[in-house]
Protein backbone atom coordinates (compact mmCIF):
# COMPACT_ATOMS: atom_id res chain seq x y z
CA MET A 1 110.98 130.73 94.16
CA ARG A 2 110.91 127.36 96.11
CA ILE A 3 109.96 123.94 94.66
CA ALA A 4 110.03 120.97 96.77
CA THR A 5 109.60 117.21 96.38
CA TYR A 6 108.71 115.54 99.57
CA ASN A 7 108.10 111.84 100.33
CA ILE A 8 105.50 111.49 103.19
CA GLU A 9 105.60 108.19 104.59
CA TRP A 10 102.04 106.69 104.65
CA MET A 11 100.74 110.05 105.03
CA ASN A 12 97.34 108.72 104.52
CA SER A 13 97.14 107.37 107.90
CA LEU A 14 97.05 110.69 109.42
CA PHE A 15 93.16 111.23 107.84
CA ASP A 16 89.76 109.77 108.36
CA GLU A 17 87.73 108.76 105.73
CA GLY A 18 86.22 112.35 105.84
CA GLY A 19 89.59 113.62 105.53
CA ALA A 20 89.99 115.14 108.82
CA LEU A 21 93.03 114.73 110.85
CA LEU A 22 93.50 112.30 113.11
CA ASN A 23 95.67 114.62 115.65
CA ASP A 24 95.78 111.99 118.26
CA ASP A 25 97.68 109.14 120.41
CA GLY A 26 97.22 106.53 117.98
CA TRP A 27 99.99 104.96 115.88
CA SER A 28 100.83 106.72 112.56
CA GLY A 29 102.03 104.68 109.53
CA ARG A 30 105.79 105.18 111.32
CA HIS A 31 106.83 102.81 113.51
CA GLY A 32 106.62 104.36 117.00
CA VAL A 33 105.49 107.47 116.06
CA THR A 34 102.07 108.69 116.74
CA ARG A 35 99.92 110.39 114.48
CA SER A 36 99.83 113.81 116.45
CA ASP A 37 103.71 113.37 116.71
CA GLN A 38 103.91 112.85 112.65
CA ILE A 39 101.56 115.91 112.38
CA VAL A 40 103.40 118.40 114.62
CA ALA A 41 106.69 117.09 112.73
CA LEU A 42 105.32 117.68 109.65
CA THR A 43 103.86 121.37 110.44
CA ARG A 44 106.99 122.01 111.54
CA VAL A 45 109.23 120.67 108.31
CA PHE A 46 106.74 122.41 106.07
CA ARG A 47 106.79 125.96 107.77
CA ALA A 48 110.66 125.96 107.51
CA MET A 49 110.88 124.81 104.02
CA ASP A 50 107.96 127.66 103.27
CA ALA A 51 108.07 126.52 99.62
CA ASP A 52 105.63 127.96 97.04
CA ALA A 53 105.09 124.25 95.32
CA ILE A 54 105.47 120.92 97.14
CA MET A 55 105.26 117.42 95.01
CA ILE A 56 104.08 115.27 97.59
CA ILE A 57 104.91 111.52 97.45
CA GLU A 58 102.77 109.19 99.10
CA ALA A 59 100.19 111.64 99.52
CA PRO A 60 96.48 110.44 101.49
CA ASP A 61 94.49 108.34 99.05
CA GLN A 62 92.05 109.32 96.40
CA GLY A 63 88.85 106.65 96.33
CA ARG A 64 85.23 106.41 96.79
CA ASN A 65 85.47 107.47 100.31
CA ARG A 66 88.91 109.25 100.49
CA ASN A 67 89.70 112.78 98.34
CA THR A 68 93.51 113.77 98.00
CA VAL A 69 93.15 117.35 97.72
CA ALA A 70 90.31 117.85 100.53
CA ALA A 71 92.71 116.15 103.07
CA LEU A 72 96.16 118.14 101.61
CA GLU A 73 94.09 121.55 101.96
CA THR A 74 92.64 120.64 105.57
CA PHE A 75 96.43 119.98 106.61
CA ALA A 76 97.40 123.00 104.77
CA VAL A 77 94.88 125.12 107.07
CA HIS A 78 95.96 123.33 110.27
CA ALA A 79 99.85 124.04 109.49
CA GLY A 80 98.91 127.63 108.53
CA LEU A 81 100.68 127.10 105.25
CA ARG A 82 100.58 129.60 102.34
CA ALA A 83 100.98 126.44 99.76
CA ARG A 84 97.47 125.81 100.73
CA ARG A 85 96.01 124.53 97.32
CA ALA A 86 96.35 121.01 95.94
CA VAL A 87 96.00 119.02 92.58
CA ILE A 88 96.06 115.93 91.64
CA GLY A 89 96.11 113.39 88.64
CA PHE A 90 95.49 110.08 87.91
CA ALA A 91 94.86 108.05 91.32
CA ASN A 92 95.96 104.74 91.74
CA ASN A 93 95.52 101.72 94.07
CA THR A 94 98.37 102.11 96.61
CA GLN A 95 97.05 104.80 99.12
CA GLN A 96 99.91 106.41 97.83
CA GLU A 97 99.12 109.37 95.79
CA ILE A 98 101.16 111.92 93.82
CA ALA A 99 99.94 115.56 94.29
CA LEU A 100 101.04 118.82 94.40
CA LEU A 101 100.38 121.55 97.35
CA TYR A 102 100.75 124.88 96.27
CA ASP A 103 100.53 128.65 96.91
CA PRO A 104 98.13 129.82 94.66
CA ASP A 105 98.75 133.17 94.92
CA GLN A 106 102.37 132.48 93.55
CA ILE A 107 101.41 129.91 91.06
CA SER A 108 98.63 128.29 89.15
CA ALA A 109 98.72 124.34 88.25
CA ARG A 110 96.86 121.91 86.29
CA HIS A 111 96.65 118.54 85.60
CA ASP A 112 97.62 118.23 82.09
CA PRO A 113 98.20 114.74 80.79
CA GLN A 114 99.77 114.25 77.49
CA SER A 115 99.85 111.53 74.91
CA HIS A 116 101.76 111.43 71.63
CA ASP A 117 102.75 108.75 69.19
CA MET A 118 103.80 105.71 70.55
CA VAL A 119 103.86 107.19 74.01
CA PRO A 120 100.42 107.18 75.54
CA SER A 121 99.10 108.81 78.74
CA PHE A 122 100.53 107.61 82.13
CA ASP A 123 97.25 105.90 82.99
CA GLN A 124 97.49 103.87 79.40
CA THR A 125 99.74 100.88 78.57
CA PHE A 126 103.07 101.27 77.45
CA SER A 127 104.02 98.77 74.69
CA ILE A 128 108.04 97.48 74.95
CA ASP A 129 110.06 94.92 74.17
CA LEU A 130 111.85 94.17 77.88
CA ASP A 131 113.33 91.00 76.82
CA ILE A 132 114.37 91.31 73.35
CA ASP A 133 112.41 88.17 72.12
CA ALA A 134 110.21 89.87 69.31
CA THR A 135 107.52 90.16 71.89
CA GLU A 136 105.98 93.21 72.99
CA ASP A 137 105.42 93.31 76.64
CA GLN A 138 102.88 95.91 78.00
CA VAL A 139 103.78 98.01 80.92
CA VAL A 140 101.24 100.28 83.15
CA PHE A 141 102.29 102.50 86.17
CA SER A 142 101.26 101.32 89.67
CA LYS A 143 101.63 105.00 90.25
CA PRO A 144 100.94 107.47 87.37
CA PRO A 145 102.96 110.16 87.19
CA LEU A 146 101.59 113.60 87.84
CA GLU A 147 101.99 115.99 84.65
CA LEU A 148 101.19 119.72 85.43
CA LEU A 149 101.28 122.99 83.44
CA ILE A 150 102.20 125.80 85.63
CA GLU A 151 102.37 129.12 85.30
CA THR A 152 103.93 131.62 88.06
CA LYS A 153 102.78 134.91 88.93
CA GLY A 154 105.73 136.33 86.53
CA ARG A 155 104.10 134.74 83.59
CA ALA A 156 106.60 131.99 83.33
CA GLN A 157 105.17 128.99 81.74
CA LEU A 158 106.86 125.29 82.37
CA ARG A 159 105.76 121.96 82.97
CA MET A 160 106.17 119.48 86.29
CA ILE A 161 106.14 115.64 86.24
CA GLY A 162 105.94 114.04 89.70
CA ALA A 163 106.93 110.54 89.58
CA HIS A 164 107.10 107.52 92.13
CA LEU A 165 109.08 104.79 90.28
CA LYS A 166 108.99 101.31 92.33
CA SER A 167 110.35 97.90 91.43
CA LYS A 168 108.23 95.79 93.74
CA ALA A 169 109.21 93.13 96.28
CA PRO A 170 109.52 89.68 95.24
CA PHE A 171 106.14 88.72 96.74
CA GLY A 172 105.49 85.08 96.70
CA ALA A 173 108.93 83.89 96.25
CA THR A 174 109.87 80.67 98.52
CA THR A 175 113.34 79.98 97.12
CA ARG A 176 116.08 82.11 96.04
CA ASP A 177 115.56 81.08 92.59
CA GLU A 178 112.35 82.68 92.67
CA VAL A 179 113.58 85.69 94.45
CA LEU A 180 115.74 86.20 91.53
CA ARG A 181 113.71 85.33 88.65
CA ILE A 182 110.88 87.85 90.39
CA SER A 183 113.30 90.58 90.83
CA ILE A 184 114.86 91.03 87.54
CA ALA A 185 111.30 90.81 86.43
CA ASN A 186 110.38 93.68 88.53
CA ARG A 187 113.23 95.80 87.69
CA ARG A 188 112.98 95.00 84.18
CA LYS A 189 109.38 96.68 84.42
CA GLN A 190 110.89 99.59 86.26
CA LEU A 191 113.43 100.26 83.75
CA ALA A 192 110.39 100.31 81.02
CA GLN A 193 108.56 103.01 82.92
CA ALA A 194 111.91 104.82 83.10
CA ILE A 195 112.06 104.81 78.96
CA TRP A 196 108.18 105.75 79.03
CA LEU A 197 108.59 108.70 81.36
CA ARG A 198 112.05 109.47 79.34
CA ALA A 199 110.04 109.30 76.18
CA ARG A 200 107.76 112.16 77.21
CA ILE A 201 110.56 114.21 78.59
CA GLN A 202 112.12 113.71 75.40
CA ARG A 203 109.14 115.19 73.56
CA HIS A 204 108.93 118.36 75.86
CA LEU A 205 112.37 118.79 75.17
CA GLY A 206 112.26 118.78 71.90
CA GLU A 207 109.52 121.50 71.71
CA GLY A 208 111.45 123.57 73.82
CA THR A 209 109.09 123.31 76.84
CA ALA A 210 110.81 124.17 80.39
CA LEU A 211 110.53 120.88 82.52
CA MET A 212 110.95 119.96 86.08
CA VAL A 213 110.87 116.12 86.78
CA MET A 214 110.93 115.19 90.59
CA GLY A 215 109.84 112.76 93.17
CA ASP A 216 111.19 109.62 94.18
CA LEU A 217 112.55 107.07 91.76
CA ASN A 218 113.78 104.41 94.25
CA ASP A 219 116.88 103.77 92.22
CA GLY A 220 119.94 105.32 91.62
CA PRO A 221 123.85 104.63 91.27
CA GLY A 222 125.20 101.43 93.25
CA LEU A 223 121.46 101.04 94.86
CA ASP A 224 121.34 97.21 94.25
CA GLU A 225 122.97 94.46 92.38
CA TYR A 226 120.57 94.63 89.36
CA GLU A 227 121.75 97.67 88.20
CA ASN A 228 125.02 95.69 87.24
CA LEU A 229 122.56 93.25 85.20
CA PHE A 230 121.31 95.84 83.38
CA GLY A 231 123.71 98.48 82.92
CA ARG A 232 121.84 101.64 83.59
CA SER A 233 119.73 102.61 86.72
CA SER A 234 116.23 104.48 85.98
CA VAL A 235 117.57 107.71 87.22
CA GLU A 236 120.36 107.47 84.04
CA ILE A 237 117.67 106.53 81.79
CA ILE A 238 115.70 109.26 82.95
CA LEU A 239 118.40 112.07 82.81
CA GLY A 240 119.40 111.41 79.51
CA GLN A 241 122.28 112.68 77.62
CA GLY A 242 123.97 115.36 75.72
CA ASP A 243 122.68 118.55 74.97
CA GLN A 244 118.81 117.25 76.18
CA ALA A 245 120.01 115.90 79.37
CA LEU A 246 118.17 116.71 82.70
CA LEU A 247 120.13 118.25 85.32
CA ASP A 248 120.44 117.42 88.91
CA PRO A 249 123.43 117.86 90.84
CA HIS A 250 122.70 115.29 93.79
CA ALA A 251 121.85 112.58 90.80
CA ARG A 252 125.18 113.61 88.72
CA GLN A 253 127.44 113.52 92.21
CA GLY A 254 126.06 109.91 93.17
CA LEU A 255 126.85 108.62 89.58
CA GLN A 256 130.33 110.20 89.33
CA ARG A 257 131.41 108.95 92.66
CA ARG A 258 130.19 105.19 92.89
CA LEU A 259 132.74 104.35 95.65
CA GLY A 260 132.96 107.63 97.60
CA ALA A 261 130.50 109.34 99.46
CA THR A 262 127.10 110.77 97.99
CA PRO A 263 124.24 112.70 99.07
CA THR A 264 121.28 111.09 100.47
CA THR A 265 117.68 111.67 100.82
CA SER A 266 116.67 109.06 103.14
CA ARG A 267 117.33 106.89 106.07
CA PHE A 268 115.94 103.24 106.61
CA TRP A 269 116.25 101.10 109.89
CA ILE A 270 117.14 97.75 108.55
CA ARG A 271 115.86 95.27 111.33
CA GLN A 272 117.54 91.88 110.17
CA GLU A 273 121.31 93.80 110.26
CA LYS A 274 120.25 96.57 112.98
CA ARG A 275 121.18 99.31 111.00
CA PHE A 276 120.25 102.38 109.04
CA LEU A 277 120.63 102.35 105.16
CA GLN A 278 120.78 105.38 103.81
CA ALA A 279 120.00 106.48 99.89
CA LEU A 280 119.41 108.90 97.34
CA LEU A 281 116.33 108.27 96.09
CA ASP A 282 114.95 111.88 95.82
CA TYR A 283 115.46 114.19 92.77
CA ILE A 284 114.12 117.47 91.20
CA MET A 285 115.83 117.16 87.85
CA VAL A 286 115.44 120.35 85.27
CA SER A 287 115.81 121.10 81.84
CA PRO A 288 118.86 123.00 80.43
CA ASP A 289 117.01 126.17 80.18
CA LEU A 290 115.90 126.34 83.70
CA ALA A 291 119.48 125.23 84.49
CA ALA A 292 120.60 127.87 82.97
CA ARG A 293 118.63 130.33 85.78
CA ASP A 294 121.42 129.50 88.59
CA PRO A 295 119.15 127.07 90.35
CA ARG A 296 119.81 125.92 94.05
CA TRP A 297 119.17 123.04 95.23
CA ARG A 298 119.05 121.67 99.09
CA ILE A 299 118.33 118.14 100.60
CA TRP A 300 116.96 119.04 104.05
CA HIS A 301 118.68 116.02 105.76
CA PRO A 302 118.99 116.16 109.55
CA LEU A 303 122.63 115.01 110.20
CA ASP A 304 124.14 116.41 106.84
CA ASP A 305 122.36 119.88 106.33
CA PRO A 306 124.43 122.22 108.76
CA GLU A 307 121.32 124.36 109.25
CA CYS A 308 118.80 121.41 109.91
CA TRP A 309 121.25 120.00 112.68
CA ALA A 310 121.77 123.20 114.39
CA ASP A 311 118.43 123.57 114.72
CA GLY A 312 117.10 120.73 117.18
CA ALA A 313 113.70 120.99 117.04
CA LEU A 314 113.79 121.28 113.11
CA ARG A 315 116.16 117.99 113.12
CA ASP A 316 113.94 115.94 115.42
CA ALA A 317 110.88 116.84 113.28
CA LEU A 318 112.76 115.39 110.22
CA VAL A 319 113.31 112.45 111.44
CA ALA A 320 109.81 111.88 112.90
CA ALA A 321 107.97 112.90 110.02
CA SER A 322 109.03 110.49 107.57
CA ASP A 323 111.75 108.24 106.26
CA HIS A 324 112.61 110.62 103.34
CA PHE A 325 114.15 113.93 103.91
CA PRO A 326 112.68 116.75 101.36
CA VAL A 327 114.61 118.12 98.71
CA THR A 328 114.14 121.73 97.59
CA LEU A 329 114.97 124.06 94.49
CA ASP A 330 115.38 127.70 94.72
CA ILE A 331 115.01 129.19 91.54
CA ASP A 332 114.30 132.51 89.42
CA LEU A 333 110.88 132.18 87.56
CA ASP A 334 109.74 135.60 88.10
CA SER A 335 110.37 136.55 84.06
CA PRO A 336 108.67 134.55 81.28
CA ILE A 337 111.40 131.78 80.31
């Protein structure tokens, strides 16, 4: 079975308010890419992946006049995908939802949010002392993680959590000191969200639940100067340590090789410096019991993956489709876990 995570830049701009595809020459949310070109590119990428389930980060908006599930299922029909059913969790106000597109002939998936002890549901508020001042701060997710209960055709049951953690830019800052203060506060909130997510992970692992945590954590080893200030990145917090650590070989490689080459899953144009920045942002982390099933990870990077590079049409599609590249996990889930 193939599981994927894919951050699709401004997928929402490809649909009208009725959920129909805007398959025309208007500009998409990607610089210099038309809507029809992005749709063609995404269609090629999704068909090449042929995944049983895709955790879509920045999925189309859910709101009074928008429907994430309808939009994704419309795209699946247009692209001729077997992953043609969609599910969403708690909607957010960013026009960038978290949703799963999956093959209903292979798995069933339902939103199943959890809440326990002092760790509330992800649409609620989490209390934590962020700055050791004996006063609890109230933390919320701008994009609540998607918690899913999954059952495969082979009767294997597991949980998936799709996440999009993000440290906001220092909006409103006009001086260097304000930029520093707001940036540190935003990073502190992101780490608090990671602690909240890890607490949920810890509960599942303690109960012996098979688990996948995937998505865009927008944080990682060596990504910026604030990591040294706080000591650990969100990735390290979510992975955990010891016998209840999650496994993602790309994350582990990045953490072990801070000064060397690391895998990357995204490619951004830095306008001021007139160059591209590549970063490792997207992950599929699995619990120890799933890691024992000999899973195989792959980053569909058009410049680094030999098969993607050799297929010119797919290579170009990956570049046009998004500023992130898919990550897939091939794993045997034919038998109960």
